[in-house]
Each structure stands twice: as structure tokens, then as C-alpha cells.
Amino acid sequence: MTIRTRKLIGAVALLLLAFAWSLMGMVLAQFPLIANSGWMQAVYYVVVGMGWVLPAMPIVSWMLRPDPERQES
């Protein structure tokens, strides 16, 4: 697979990850423990806002992997 193809697939995967992560974050933010406390909301949104980076790192790493060298016969 060429690097261009991996970048296209990776970009789509990152968009889907961001969409799903934000939806999950909004749903979990409605739990009474978080919704009723201002400082819990602040901590929650900081953690969730930065938390998407961990699952995105393997996708970006895969996207930027160099093409295997083609051997000519």
C-alpha cells in the first residue's frame, strides 16, 4: 500500500475517531456526577479533550510509515 493510500485511509479514520470520541464525551458529560459539579466538568473536559490523542497516535504512526522499497527483478 502506498503512503498516499495510507494517508487517505488514516485521514478518514481520524475523522471518524474524532466524531465518535466527541459523541462519547458529550454522552458521558451528562452523568449527574459530572453535570452537577463545575470543577468536575472542567477536569472531565480537559481529560476527554486530550484523551483522543492516545488512540490517534497508532493511526498517525501507521499513516507515516514509509513505503516498502520495491525490488526490481
Protein backbone atom coordinates (compact mmCIF):
# COMPACT_ATOMS: atom_id res chain seq x y z
CA MET A 1 0.00 0.00 0.00
CA THR A 2 1.40 3.38 -0.93
CA ILE A 3 1.84 6.20 1.54
CA ARG A 4 -0.81 8.24 -0.30
CA THR A 5 -3.39 5.50 0.19
CA ARG A 6 -2.47 5.09 3.86
CA LYS A 7 -2.79 8.85 4.38
CA LEU A 8 -6.26 8.86 2.81
CA ILE A 9 -7.44 5.91 4.90
CA GLY A 10 -5.80 7.38 8.01
CA ALA A 11 -7.42 10.77 7.49
CA VAL A 12 -10.85 9.16 7.24
CA ALA A 13 -10.10 7.04 10.33
CA LEU A 14 -9.02 10.14 12.28
CA LEU A 15 -12.21 11.97 11.31
CA LEU A 16 -14.33 9.01 12.40
CA LEU A 17 -12.37 8.75 15.64
CA ALA A 18 -12.86 12.46 16.40
CA PHE A 19 -16.59 12.20 15.64
CA ALA A 20 -17.12 9.09 17.79
CA TRP A 21 -14.91 10.45 20.60
CA SER A 22 -16.81 13.74 20.76
CA LEU A 23 -20.18 11.97 20.82
CA MET A 24 -18.99 9.68 23.59
CA GLY A 25 -17.66 12.67 25.51
CA MET A 26 -20.96 14.52 25.25
CA VAL A 27 -22.94 11.48 26.41
CA LEU A 28 -20.70 10.83 29.40
CA ALA A 29 -20.74 14.53 30.36
CA GLN A 30 -24.47 14.23 31.06
CA PHE A 31 -23.99 11.87 34.01
CA PRO A 32 -25.17 13.63 37.17
CA LEU A 33 -21.81 13.31 38.92
CA ILE A 34 -20.15 15.39 36.19
CA ALA A 35 -23.08 17.60 35.17
CA ASN A 36 -23.74 18.87 38.71
CA SER A 37 -20.20 19.92 39.56
CA GLY A 38 -18.33 22.77 37.89
CA TRP A 39 -14.86 21.58 38.84
CA MET A 40 -15.68 18.00 37.74
CA GLN A 41 -16.79 19.36 34.38
CA ALA A 42 -13.53 21.28 33.99
CA VAL A 43 -11.42 18.21 34.82
CA TYR A 44 -13.59 15.97 32.66
CA TYR A 45 -13.39 18.17 29.56
CA VAL A 46 -9.62 18.58 29.88
CA VAL A 47 -9.10 14.82 30.19
CA VAL A 48 -11.56 13.92 27.43
CA GLY A 49 -10.33 16.73 25.19
CA MET A 50 -6.78 15.47 25.32
CA GLY A 51 -7.67 11.78 25.57
CA TRP A 52 -8.35 11.28 21.87
CA VAL A 53 -4.65 11.68 21.17
CA LEU A 54 -3.81 8.23 22.59
CA PRO A 55 -5.96 6.24 20.15
CA ALA A 56 -4.94 8.59 17.30
CA MET A 57 -1.21 8.00 17.74
CA PRO A 58 -1.17 4.47 16.23
CA ILE A 59 -3.22 5.70 13.26
CA VAL A 60 -0.82 8.57 12.57
CA SER A 61 2.17 6.28 13.05
CA TRP A 62 0.71 3.84 10.52
CA MET A 63 -0.06 6.65 8.08
CA LEU A 64 3.50 7.97 8.10
CA ARG A 65 5.23 4.62 7.73
CA PRO A 66 7.48 4.75 4.65
CA ASP A 67 6.66 2.74 1.55
CA PRO A 68 8.40 -0.60 1.36
CA GLU A 69 11.18 -0.44 -1.17
CA ARG A 70 10.26 -2.13 -4.39
CA GLN A 71 12.77 -4.64 -5.55
CA GLU A 72 13.25 -4.93 -9.26
CA SER A 73 13.96 -8.28 -10.82
